Amino acid sequence: MVAGPTSAGPGKDRLRLWIRLLRASRTIEAELRERLKKEFDTTLPRFNVMAALYRAPEGMLMSDLSRFLLVSNGNVTGIVDRLVSEGLVARARRNGDRRTSMVRLTEEG
């Protein structure tokens, strides 16, 4: 028997599953964002930057940090600028090269 266009075949089941997973993911992310704001007065992007730096105690190049987080260099630069101004991270030039910066958590961060 050939399945017609209205039958619920494996393709539709997969699509329904993906939609449910997407909804669950969005619900979890919204809750996480709310808790980060309420309990730590921070945002998810700031948390992601600090968590990545926590895993790299020696620091990370800004370009590596943006690749790791799958965001643009400009996005990371803005977040790091604010974290530097708050004393949570430190930025230093790498081996005198003005084009590259290393970022690491501070004691406060």
PDB file of N, CA and C in Angstrom:
ATOM      1  N   MET A   1       0.839  -1.177   0.000  1.00  0.00           N
ATOM      2  CA  MET A   1       0.000   0.000   0.000  1.00  0.00           C
ATOM      3  C   MET A   1       0.887   1.244   0.000  1.00  0.00           C
ATOM      4  N   VAL A   2       0.577   2.178  -0.856  1.00  0.00           N
ATOM      5  CA  VAL A   2       1.351   3.407  -0.974  1.00  0.00           C
ATOM      6  C   VAL A   2       0.743   4.457  -0.057  1.00  0.00           C
ATOM      7  N   ALA A   3       1.596   5.119   0.686  1.00  0.00           N
ATOM      8  CA  ALA A   3       1.122   6.155   1.611  1.00  0.00           C
ATOM      9  C   ALA A   3       0.711   7.389   0.823  1.00  0.00           C
ATOM     10  N   GLY A   4      -0.437   7.912   1.158  1.00  0.00           N
ATOM     11  CA  GLY A   4      -0.938   9.118   0.518  1.00  0.00           C
ATOM     12  C   GLY A   4      -0.387  10.360   1.189  1.00  0.00           C
ATOM     13  N   PRO A   5      -0.672  11.521   0.632  1.00  0.00           N
ATOM     14  CA  PRO A   5      -0.128  12.766   1.171  1.00  0.00           C
ATOM     15  C   PRO A   5      -0.655  13.105   2.563  1.00  0.00           C
ATOM     16  N   THR A   6      -1.779  12.515   2.978  1.00  0.00           N
ATOM     17  CA  THR A   6      -2.323  12.844   4.298  1.00  0.00           C
ATOM     18  C   THR A   6      -1.919  11.843   5.365  1.00  0.00           C
ATOM     19  N   SER A   7      -1.250  10.771   4.980  1.00  0.00           N
ATOM     20  CA  SER A   7      -0.864   9.782   5.990  1.00  0.00           C
ATOM     21  C   SER A   7       0.335  10.290   6.786  1.00  0.00           C
ATOM     22  N   ALA A   8       0.388   9.873   8.034  1.00  0.00           N
ATOM     23  CA  ALA A   8       1.479  10.289   8.917  1.00  0.00           C
ATOM     24  C   ALA A   8       2.617   9.294   8.805  1.00  0.00           C
ATOM     25  N   GLY A   9       3.493   9.508   7.861  1.00  0.00           N
ATOM     26  CA  GLY A   9       4.637   8.624   7.669  1.00  0.00           C
ATOM     27  C   GLY A   9       5.805   9.058   8.530  1.00  0.00           C
ATOM     28  N   PRO A  10       6.935   8.376   8.348  1.00  0.00           N
ATOM     29  CA  PRO A  10       8.114   8.690   9.150  1.00  0.00           C
ATOM     30  C   PRO A  10       8.588  10.135   8.985  1.00  0.00           C
ATOM     31  N   GLY A  11       8.405  10.707   7.820  1.00  0.00           N
ATOM     32  CA  GLY A  11       8.807  12.096   7.599  1.00  0.00           C
ATOM     33  C   GLY A  11       8.041  13.058   8.479  1.00  0.00           C
ATOM     34  N   LYS A  12       6.741  12.858   8.576  1.00  0.00           N
ATOM     35  CA  LYS A  12       5.918  13.727   9.425  1.00  0.00           C
ATOM     36  C   LYS A  12       6.256  13.522  10.894  1.00  0.00           C
ATOM     37  N   ASP A  13       6.498  12.275  11.269  1.00  0.00           N
ATOM     38  CA  ASP A  13       6.862  11.996  12.660  1.00  0.00           C
ATOM     39  C   ASP A  13       8.170  12.690  13.024  1.00  0.00           C
ATOM     40  N   ARG A  14       9.122  12.648  12.111  1.00  0.00           N
ATOM     41  CA  ARG A  14      10.404  13.316  12.357  1.00  0.00           C
ATOM     42  C   ARG A  14      10.223  14.820  12.473  1.00  0.00           C
ATOM     43  N   LEU A  15       9.406  15.369  11.590  1.00  0.00           N
ATOM     44  CA  LEU A  15       9.152  16.803  11.633  1.00  0.00           C
ATOM     45  C   LEU A  15       8.492  17.193  12.945  1.00  0.00           C
ATOM     46  N   ARG A  16       7.501  16.422  13.382  1.00  0.00           N
ATOM     47  CA  ARG A  16       6.839  16.699  14.664  1.00  0.00           C
ATOM     48  C   ARG A  16       7.833  16.629  15.821  1.00  0.00           C
ATOM     49  N   LEU A  17       8.709  15.637  15.782  1.00  0.00           N
ATOM     50  CA  LEU A  17       9.714  15.498  16.833  1.00  0.00           C
ATOM     51  C   LEU A  17      10.643  16.706  16.853  1.00  0.00           C
ATOM     52  N   TRP A  18      11.111  17.129  15.678  1.00  0.00           N
ATOM     53  CA  TRP A  18      11.987  18.295  15.610  1.00  0.00           C
ATOM     54  C   TRP A  18      11.282  19.546  16.126  1.00  0.00           C
ATOM     55  N   ILE A  19      10.018  19.707  15.806  1.00  0.00           N
ATOM     56  CA  ILE A  19       9.265  20.869  16.290  1.00  0.00           C
ATOM     57  C   ILE A  19       9.150  20.825  17.806  1.00  0.00           C
ATOM     58  N   ARG A  20       8.877  19.658  18.361  1.00  0.00           N
ATOM     59  CA  ARG A  20       8.802  19.527  19.824  1.00  0.00           C
ATOM     60  C   ARG A  20      10.150  19.819  20.473  1.00  0.00           C
ATOM     61  N   LEU A  21      11.216  19.294  19.883  1.00  0.00           N
ATOM     62  CA  LEU A  21      12.553  19.562  20.418  1.00  0.00           C
ATOM     63  C   LEU A  21      12.887  21.051  20.357  1.00  0.00           C
ATOM     64  N   LEU A  22      12.518  21.708  19.274  1.00  0.00           N
ATOM     65  CA  LEU A  22      12.757  23.137  19.135  1.00  0.00           C
ATOM     66  C   LEU A  22      11.989  23.917  20.193  1.00  0.00           C
ATOM     67  N   ARG A  23      10.732  23.561  20.409  1.00  0.00           N
ATOM     68  CA  ARG A  23       9.935  24.228  21.451  1.00  0.00           C
ATOM     69  C   ARG A  23      10.547  24.014  22.833  1.00  0.00           C
ATOM     70  N   ALA A  24      10.969  22.784  23.111  1.00  0.00           N
ATOM     71  CA  ALA A  24      11.588  22.490  24.411  1.00  0.00           C
ATOM     72  C   ALA A  24      12.879  23.292  24.574  1.00  0.00           C
ATOM     73  N   SER A  25      13.673  23.352  23.521  1.00  0.00           N
ATOM     74  CA  SER A  25      14.924  24.102  23.566  1.00  0.00           C
ATOM     75  C   SER A  25      14.661  25.583  23.832  1.00  0.00           C
ATOM     76  N   ARG A  26      13.675  26.144  23.168  1.00  0.00           N
ATOM     77  CA  ARG A  26      13.330  27.561  23.370  1.00  0.00           C
ATOM     78  C   ARG A  26      12.831  27.809  24.785  1.00  0.00           C
ATOM     79  N   THR A  27      12.047  26.883  25.316  1.00  0.00           N
ATOM     80  CA  THR A  27      11.544  27.017  26.684  1.00  0.00           C
ATOM     81  C   THR A  27      12.699  26.990  27.681  1.00  0.00           C
ATOM     82  N   ILE A  28      13.613  26.055  27.499  1.00  0.00           N
ATOM     83  CA  ILE A  28      14.772  25.944  28.387  1.00  0.00           C
ATOM     84  C   ILE A  28      15.644  27.195  28.288  1.00  0.00           C
ATOM     85  N   GLU A  29      15.889  27.664  27.070  1.00  0.00           N
ATOM     86  CA  GLU A  29      16.716  28.858  26.892  1.00  0.00           C
ATOM     87  C   GLU A  29      16.069  30.079  27.529  1.00  0.00           C
ATOM     88  N   ALA A  30      14.766  30.231  27.385  1.00  0.00           N
ATOM     89  CA  ALA A  30      14.072  31.367  27.994  1.00  0.00           C
ATOM     90  C   ALA A  30      14.192  31.317  29.517  1.00  0.00           C
ATOM     91  N   GLU A  31      14.040  30.139  30.093  1.00  0.00           N
ATOM     92  CA  GLU A  31      14.176  29.981  31.543  1.00  0.00           C
ATOM     93  C   GLU A  31      15.607  30.296  31.984  1.00  0.00           C
ATOM     94  N   LEU A  32      16.579  29.820  31.237  1.00  0.00           N
ATOM     95  CA  LEU A  32      17.979  30.083  31.558  1.00  0.00           C
ATOM     96  C   LEU A  32      18.279  31.577  31.499  1.00  0.00           C
ATOM     97  N   ARG A  33      17.813  32.239  30.458  1.00  0.00           N
ATOM     98  CA  ARG A  33      18.023  33.689  30.333  1.00  0.00           C
ATOM     99  C   ARG A  33      17.404  34.432  31.512  1.00  0.00           C
ATOM    100  N   GLU A  34      16.197  34.032  31.897  1.00  0.00           N
ATOM    101  CA  GLU A  34      15.508  34.683  33.011  1.00  0.00           C
ATOM    102  C   GLU A  34      16.267  34.486  34.323  1.00  0.00           C
ATOM    103  N   ARG A  35      16.723  33.265  34.566  1.00  0.00           N
ATOM    104  CA  ARG A  35      17.459  32.990  35.811  1.00  0.00           C
ATOM    105  C   ARG A  35      18.807  33.709  35.848  1.00  0.00           C
ATOM    106  N   LEU A  36      19.506  33.739  34.724  1.00  0.00           N
ATOM    107  CA  LEU A  36      20.780  34.454  34.684  1.00  0.00           C
ATOM    108  C   LEU A  36      20.577  35.933  34.995  1.00  0.00           C
ATOM    109  N   LYS A  37      19.518  36.510  34.454  1.00  0.00           N
ATOM    110  CA  LYS A  37      19.243  37.925  34.701  1.00  0.00           C
ATOM    111  C   LYS A  37      18.851  38.154  36.158  1.00  0.00           C
ATOM    112  N   LYS A  38      17.952  37.314  36.657  1.00  0.00           N
ATOM    113  CA  LYS A  38      17.428  37.494  38.009  1.00  0.00           C
ATOM    114  C   LYS A  38      18.480  37.200  39.083  1.00  0.00           C
ATOM    115  N   GLU A  39      19.191  36.093  38.948  1.00  0.00           N
ATOM    116  CA  GLU A  39      20.099  35.647  40.003  1.00  0.00           C
ATOM    117  C   GLU A  39      21.511  36.226  39.896  1.00  0.00           C
ATOM    118  N   PHE A  40      21.951  36.553  38.679  1.00  0.00           N
ATOM    119  CA  PHE A  40      23.330  37.013  38.505  1.00  0.00           C
ATOM    120  C   PHE A  40      23.436  38.348  37.768  1.00  0.00           C
ATOM    121  N   ASP A  41      22.314  38.938  37.410  1.00  0.00           N
ATOM    122  CA  ASP A  41      22.274  40.194  36.670  1.00  0.00           C
ATOM    123  C   ASP A  41      23.205  40.149  35.453  1.00  0.00           C
ATOM    124  N   THR A  42      23.093  39.061  34.693  1.00  0.00           N
ATOM    125  CA  THR A  42      23.902  38.927  33.481  1.00  0.00           C
ATOM    126  C   THR A  42      23.047  38.358  32.356  1.00  0.00           C
ATOM    127  N   THR A  43      23.629  38.305  31.186  1.00  0.00           N
ATOM    128  CA  THR A  43      22.922  37.791  30.015  1.00  0.00           C
ATOM    129  C   THR A  43      23.546  36.470  29.578  1.00  0.00           C
ATOM    130  N   LEU A  44      22.843  35.745  28.745  1.00  0.00           N
ATOM    131  CA  LEU A  44      23.359  34.476  28.237  1.00  0.00           C
ATOM    132  C   LEU A  44      24.639  34.668  27.410  1.00  0.00           C
ATOM    133  N   PRO A  45      24.717  35.663  26.523  1.00  0.00           N
ATOM    134  CA  PRO A  45      25.971  35.846  25.787  1.00  0.00           C
ATOM    135  C   PRO A  45      27.165  36.144  26.702  1.00  0.00           C
ATOM    136  N   ARG A  46      26.957  36.973  27.731  1.00  0.00           N
ATOM    137  CA  ARG A  46      28.047  37.260  28.680  1.00  0.00           C
ATOM    138  C   ARG A  46      28.441  35.988  29.427  1.00  0.00           C
ATOM    139  N   PHE A  47      27.454  35.218  29.841  1.00  0.00           N
ATOM    140  CA  PHE A  47      27.727  33.961  30.530  1.00  0.00           C
ATOM    141  C   PHE A  47      28.520  33.021  29.623  1.00  0.00           C
ATOM    142  N   ASN A  48      28.127  32.936  28.362  1.00  0.00           N
ATOM    143  CA  ASN A  48      28.822  32.054  27.416  1.00  0.00           C
ATOM    144  C   ASN A  48      30.290  32.447  27.255  1.00  0.00           C
ATOM    145  N   VAL A  49      30.565  33.747  27.164  1.00  0.00           N
ATOM    146  CA  VAL A  49      31.950  34.215  27.052  1.00  0.00           C
ATOM    147  C   VAL A  49      32.730  33.834  28.305  1.00  0.00           C
ATOM    148  N   MET A  50      32.156  34.116  29.468  1.00  0.00           N
ATOM    149  CA  MET A  50      32.865  33.830  30.713  1.00  0.00           C
ATOM    150  C   MET A  50      33.046  32.328  30.927  1.00  0.00           C
ATOM    151  N   ALA A  51      32.064  31.528  30.537  1.00  0.00           N
ATOM    152  CA  ALA A  51      32.183  30.071  30.671  1.00  0.00           C
ATOM    153  C   ALA A  51      33.288  29.536  29.760  1.00  0.00           C
ATOM    154  N   ALA A  52      33.384  30.072  28.554  1.00  0.00           N
ATOM    155  CA  ALA A  52      34.451  29.645  27.636  1.00  0.00           C
ATOM    156  C   ALA A  52      35.818  30.006  28.212  1.00  0.00           C
ATOM    157  N   LEU A  53      35.930  31.197  28.782  1.00  0.00           N
ATOM    158  CA  LEU A  53      37.203  31.621  29.363  1.00  0.00           C
ATOM    159  C   LEU A  53      37.530  30.832  30.627  1.00  0.00           C
ATOM    160  N   TYR A  54      36.526  30.424  31.355  1.00  0.00           N
ATOM    161  CA  TYR A  54      36.747  29.597  32.547  1.00  0.00           C
ATOM    162  C   TYR A  54      37.398  28.269  32.159  1.00  0.00           C
ATOM    163  N   ARG A  55      36.985  27.736  31.011  1.00  0.00           N
ATOM    164  CA  ARG A  55      37.539  26.465  30.531  1.00  0.00           C
ATOM    165  C   ARG A  55      38.946  26.628  29.954  1.00  0.00           C
ATOM    166  N   ALA A  56      39.370  27.872  29.760  1.00  0.00           N
ATOM    167  CA  ALA A  56      40.706  28.153  29.204  1.00  0.00           C
ATOM    168  C   ALA A  56      41.429  29.123  30.137  1.00  0.00           C
ATOM    169  N   PRO A  57      41.915  28.643  31.284  1.00  0.00           N
ATOM    170  CA  PRO A  57      42.515  29.541  32.277  1.00  0.00           C
ATOM    171  C   PRO A  57      43.700  30.350  31.745  1.00  0.00           C
ATOM    172  N   GLU A  58      44.385  29.841  30.730  1.00  0.00           N
ATOM    173  CA  GLU A  58      45.508  30.579  30.143  1.00  0.00           C
ATOM    174  C   GLU A  58      45.024  31.696  29.226  1.00  0.00           C
ATOM    175  N   GLY A  59      43.732  31.722  28.939  1.00  0.00           N
ATOM    176  CA  GLY A  59      43.141  32.735  28.080  1.00  0.00           C
ATOM    177  C   GLY A  59      42.889  32.207  26.677  1.00  0.00           C
ATOM    178  N   MET A  60      42.237  33.025  25.886  1.00  0.00           N
ATOM    179  CA  MET A  60      41.926  32.665  24.501  1.00  0.00           C
ATOM    180  C   MET A  60      42.148  33.877  23.611  1.00  0.00           C
ATOM    181  N   LEU A  61      42.546  33.614  22.387  1.00  0.00           N
ATOM    182  CA  LEU A  61      42.566  34.678  21.391  1.00  0.00           C
ATOM    183  C   LEU A  61      41.129  35.099  21.117  1.00  0.00           C
ATOM    184  N   MET A  62      40.925  36.369  20.855  1.00  0.00           N
ATOM    185  CA  MET A  62      39.576  36.855  20.559  1.00  0.00           C
ATOM    186  C   MET A  62      38.982  36.100  19.371  1.00  0.00           C
ATOM    187  N   SER A  63      39.780  35.847  18.348  1.00  0.00           N
ATOM    188  CA  SER A  63      39.276  35.143  17.163  1.00  0.00           C
ATOM    189  C   SER A  63      38.881  33.707  17.506  1.00  0.00           C
ATOM    190  N   ASP A  64      39.659  33.055  18.373  1.00  0.00           N
ATOM    191  CA  ASP A  64      39.313  31.693  18.795  1.00  0.00           C
ATOM    192  C   ASP A  64      38.038  31.691  19.631  1.00  0.00           C
ATOM    193  N   LEU A  65      37.889  32.706  20.456  1.00  0.00           N
ATOM    194  CA  LEU A  65      36.690  32.820  21.287  1.00  0.00           C
ATOM    195  C   LEU A  65      35.447  32.978  20.414  1.00  0.00           C
ATOM    196  N   SER A  66      35.515  33.822  19.408  1.00  0.00           N
ATOM    197  CA  SER A  66      34.355  34.008  18.528  1.00  0.00           C
ATOM    198  C   SER A  66      34.048  32.736  17.742  1.00  0.00           C
ATOM    199  N   ARG A  67      35.079  32.035  17.288  1.00  0.00           N
ATOM    200  CA  ARG A  67      34.850  30.762  16.586  1.00  0.00           C
ATOM    201  C   ARG A  67      34.231  29.728  17.521  1.00  0.00           C
ATOM    202  N   PHE A  68      34.744  29.647  18.743  1.00  0.00           N
ATOM    203  CA  PHE A  68      34.231  28.683  19.715  1.00  0.00           C
ATOM    204  C   PHE A  68      32.752  28.943  20.005  1.00  0.00           C
ATOM    205  N   LEU A  69      32.380  30.216  20.108  1.00  0.00           N
ATOM    206  CA  LEU A  69      31.000  30.579  20.431  1.00  0.00           C
ATOM    207  C   LEU A  69      30.100  30.670  19.200  1.00  0.00           C
ATOM    208  N   LEU A  70      30.698  30.523  18.018  1.00  0.00           N
ATOM    209  CA  LEU A  70      29.948  30.587  16.753  1.00  0.00           C
ATOM    210  C   LEU A  70      29.254  31.933  16.567  1.00  0.00           C
ATOM    211  N   VAL A  71      29.975  33.006  16.884  1.00  0.00           N
ATOM    212  CA  VAL A  71      29.458  34.360  16.696  1.00  0.00           C
ATOM    213  C   VAL A  71      30.531  35.196  15.999  1.00  0.00           C
ATOM    214  N   SER A  72      30.148  36.383  15.581  1.00  0.00           N
ATOM    215  CA  SER A  72      31.087  37.246  14.865  1.00  0.00           C
ATOM    216  C   SER A  72      32.125  37.838  15.818  1.00  0.00           C
ATOM    217  N   ASN A  73      33.257  38.249  15.233  1.00  0.00           N
ATOM    218  CA  ASN A  73      34.290  38.919  16.024  1.00  0.00           C
ATOM    219  C   ASN A  73      33.741  40.183  16.677  1.00  0.00           C
ATOM    220  N   GLY A  74      32.924  40.926  15.939  1.00  0.00           N
ATOM    221  CA  GLY A  74      32.349  42.155  16.476  1.00  0.00           C
ATOM    222  C   GLY A  74      31.451  41.907  17.670  1.00  0.00           C
ATOM    223  N   ASN A  75      30.702  40.824  17.620  1.00  0.00           N
ATOM    224  CA  ASN A  75      29.826  40.475  18.734  1.00  0.00           C
ATOM    225  C   ASN A  75      30.648  40.207  19.986  1.00  0.00           C
ATOM    226  N   VAL A  76      31.701  39.408  19.848  1.00  0.00           N
ATOM    227  CA  VAL A  76      32.559  39.086  20.996  1.00  0.00           C
ATOM    228  C   VAL A  76      33.265  40.340  21.499  1.00  0.00           C
ATOM    229  N   THR A  77      33.718  41.192  20.597  1.00  0.00           N
ATOM    230  CA  THR A  77      34.418  42.409  21.004  1.00  0.00           C
ATOM    231  C   THR A  77      33.540  43.278  21.894  1.00  0.00           C
ATOM    232  N   GLY A  78      32.282  43.455  21.519  1.00  0.00           N
ATOM    233  CA  GLY A  78      31.375  44.265  22.329  1.00  0.00           C
ATOM    234  C   GLY A  78      31.164  43.692  23.717  1.00  0.00           C
ATOM    235  N   ILE A  79      30.974  42.389  23.793  1.00  0.00           N
ATOM    236  CA  ILE A  79      30.763  41.735  25.089  1.00  0.00           C
ATOM    237  C   ILE A  79      32.033  41.831  25.931  1.00  0.00           C
ATOM    238  N   VAL A  80      33.183  41.532  25.325  1.00  0.00           N
ATOM    239  CA  VAL A  80      34.453  41.583  26.061  1.00  0.00           C
ATOM    240  C   VAL A  80      34.743  43.008  26.526  1.00  0.00           C
ATOM    241  N   ASP A  81      34.465  44.007  25.701  1.00  0.00           N
ATOM    242  CA  ASP A  81      34.674  45.405  26.113  1.00  0.00           C
ATOM    243  C   ASP A  81      33.929  45.703  27.410  1.00  0.00           C
ATOM    244  N   ARG A  82      32.675  45.281  27.492  1.00  0.00           N
ATOM    245  CA  ARG A  82      31.885  45.538  28.705  1.00  0.00           C
ATOM    246  C   ARG A  82      32.424  44.752  29.895  1.00  0.00           C
ATOM    247  N   LEU A  83      32.829  43.496  29.658  1.00  0.00           N
ATOM    248  CA  LEU A  83      33.379  42.687  30.748  1.00  0.00           C
ATOM    249  C   LEU A  83      34.708  43.260  31.242  1.00  0.00           C
ATOM    250  N   VAL A  84      35.521  43.802  30.341  1.00  0.00           N
ATOM    251  CA  VAL A  84      36.776  44.447  30.733  1.00  0.00           C
ATOM    252  C   VAL A  84      36.475  45.666  31.594  1.00  0.00           C
ATOM    253  N   SER A  85      35.511  46.483  31.174  1.00  0.00           N
ATOM    254  CA  SER A  85      35.186  47.698  31.934  1.00  0.00           C
ATOM    255  C   SER A  85      34.647  47.377  33.328  1.00  0.00           C
ATOM    256  N   GLU A  86      34.089  46.181  33.491  1.00  0.00           N
ATOM    257  CA  GLU A  86      33.580  45.756  34.798  1.00  0.00           C
ATOM    258  C   GLU A  86      34.629  44.996  35.604  1.00  0.00           C
ATOM    259  N   GLY A  87      35.812  44.806  35.030  1.00  0.00           N
ATOM    260  CA  GLY A  87      36.889  44.120  35.735  1.00  0.00           C
ATOM    261  C   GLY A  87      36.741  42.612  35.804  1.00  0.00           C
ATOM    262  N   LEU A  88      35.878  42.035  34.973  1.00  0.00           N
ATOM    263  CA  LEU A  88      35.645  40.591  35.006  1.00  0.00           C
ATOM    264  C   LEU A  88      36.587  39.816  34.096  1.00  0.00           C
ATOM    265  N   VAL A  89      37.079  40.468  33.046  1.00  0.00           N
ATOM    266  CA  VAL A  89      38.065  39.853  32.164  1.00  0.00           C
ATOM    267  C   VAL A  89      39.173  40.863  31.882  1.00  0.00           C
ATOM    268  N   ALA A  90      40.323  40.354  31.480  1.00  0.00           N
ATOM    269  CA  ALA A  90      41.452  41.198  31.095  1.00  0.00           C
ATOM    270  C   ALA A  90      41.826  40.864  29.661  1.00  0.00           C
ATOM    271  N   ARG A  91      42.232  41.912  28.938  1.00  0.00           N
ATOM    272  CA  ARG A  91      42.637  41.726  27.547  1.00  0.00           C
ATOM    273  C   ARG A  91      44.072  42.234  27.409  1.00  0.00           C
ATOM    274  N   ALA A  92      44.899  41.484  26.707  1.00  0.00           N
ATOM    275  CA  ALA A  92      46.293  41.888  26.492  1.00  0.00           C
ATOM    276  C   ALA A  92      46.693  41.552  25.062  1.00  0.00           C
ATOM    277  N   ARG A  93      47.599  42.350  24.520  1.00  0.00           N
ATOM    278  CA  ARG A  93      48.134  42.075  23.186  1.00  0.00           C
ATOM    279  C   ARG A  93      48.993  40.826  23.251  1.00  0.00           C
ATOM    280  N   ARG A  94      48.976  40.076  22.206  1.00  0.00           N
ATOM    281  CA  ARG A  94      49.734  38.820  22.163  1.00  0.00           C
ATOM    282  C   ARG A  94      51.103  39.057  21.537  1.00  0.00           C
ATOM    283  N   ASN A  95      52.135  38.867  22.329  1.00  0.00           N
ATOM    284  CA  ASN A  95      53.520  38.968  21.853  1.00  0.00           C
ATOM    285  C   ASN A  95      53.779  40.243  21.051  1.00  0.00           C
ATOM    286  N   GLY A  96      53.244  41.344  21.494  1.00  0.00           N
ATOM    287  CA  GLY A  96      53.480  42.607  20.817  1.00  0.00           C
ATOM    288  C   GLY A  96      52.734  42.779  19.509  1.00  0.00           C
ATOM    289  N   ASP A  97      51.938  41.822  19.115  1.00  0.00           N
ATOM    290  CA  ASP A  97      51.172  41.906  17.869  1.00  0.00           C
ATOM    291  C   ASP A  97      49.885  42.678  18.145  1.00  0.00           C
ATOM    292  N   ARG A  98      49.767  43.871  17.579  1.00  0.00           N
ATOM    293  CA  ARG A  98      48.601  44.707  17.854  1.00  0.00           C
ATOM    294  C   ARG A  98      47.322  44.170  17.220  1.00  0.00           C
ATOM    295  N   ARG A  99      47.459  43.205  16.322  1.00  0.00           N
ATOM    296  CA  ARG A  99      46.273  42.678  15.643  1.00  0.00           C
ATOM    297  C   ARG A  99      45.557  41.604  16.448  1.00  0.00           C
ATOM    298  N   THR A 100      46.240  40.979  17.396  1.00  0.00           N
ATOM    299  CA  THR A 100      45.620  39.886  18.149  1.00  0.00           C
ATOM    300  C   THR A 100      45.618  40.190  19.639  1.00  0.00           C
ATOM    301  N   SER A 101      44.532  39.817  20.283  1.00  0.00           N
ATOM    302  CA  SER A 101      44.391  40.025  21.723  1.00  0.00           C
ATOM    303  C   SER A 101      44.062  38.714  22.404  1.00  0.00           C
ATOM    304  N   MET A 102      44.674  38.530  23.565  1.00  0.00           N
ATOM    305  CA  MET A 102      44.336  37.404  24.437  1.00  0.00           C
ATOM    306  C   MET A 102      43.377  37.923  25.500  1.00  0.00           C
ATOM    307  N   VAL A 103      42.393  37.107  25.823  1.00  0.00           N
ATOM    308  CA  VAL A 103      41.417  37.473  26.851  1.00  0.00           C
ATOM    309  C   VAL A 103      41.407  36.364  27.886  1.00  0.00           C
ATOM    310  N   ARG A 104      41.327  36.748  29.150  1.00  0.00           N
ATOM    311  CA  ARG A 104      41.247  35.762  30.225  1.00  0.00           C
ATOM    312  C   ARG A 104      40.387  36.323  31.343  1.00  0.00           C
ATOM    313  N   LEU A 105      39.870  35.426  32.170  1.00  0.00           N
ATOM    314  CA  LEU A 105      39.116  35.853  33.342  1.00  0.00           C
ATOM    315  C   LEU A 105      40.062  36.484  34.352  1.00  0.00           C
ATOM    316  N   THR A 106      39.562  37.466  35.084  1.00  0.00           N
ATOM    317  CA  THR A 106      40.310  38.019  36.209  1.00  0.00           C
ATOM    318  C   THR A 106      39.906  37.257  37.468  1.00  0.00           C
ATOM    319  N   GLU A 107      40.542  37.579  38.580  1.00  0.00           N
ATOM    320  CA  GLU A 107      40.154  36.963  39.853  1.00  0.00           C
ATOM    321  C   GLU A 107      38.688  37.251  40.163  1.00  0.00           C
ATOM    322  N   GLU A 108      38.257  38.473  39.862  1.00  0.00           N
ATOM    323  CA  GLU A 108      36.863  38.851  40.117  1.00  0.00           C
ATOM    324  C   GLU A 108      35.897  38.085  39.221  1.00  0.00           C
ATOM    325  N   GLY A 109      36.342  37.820  37.991  1.00  0.00           N
ATOM    326  CA  GLY A 109      35.494  37.112  37.028  1.00  0.00           C
ATOM    327  C   GLY A 109      35.422  35.654  37.346  1.00  0.00           C
TER     328      GLY A 109
END
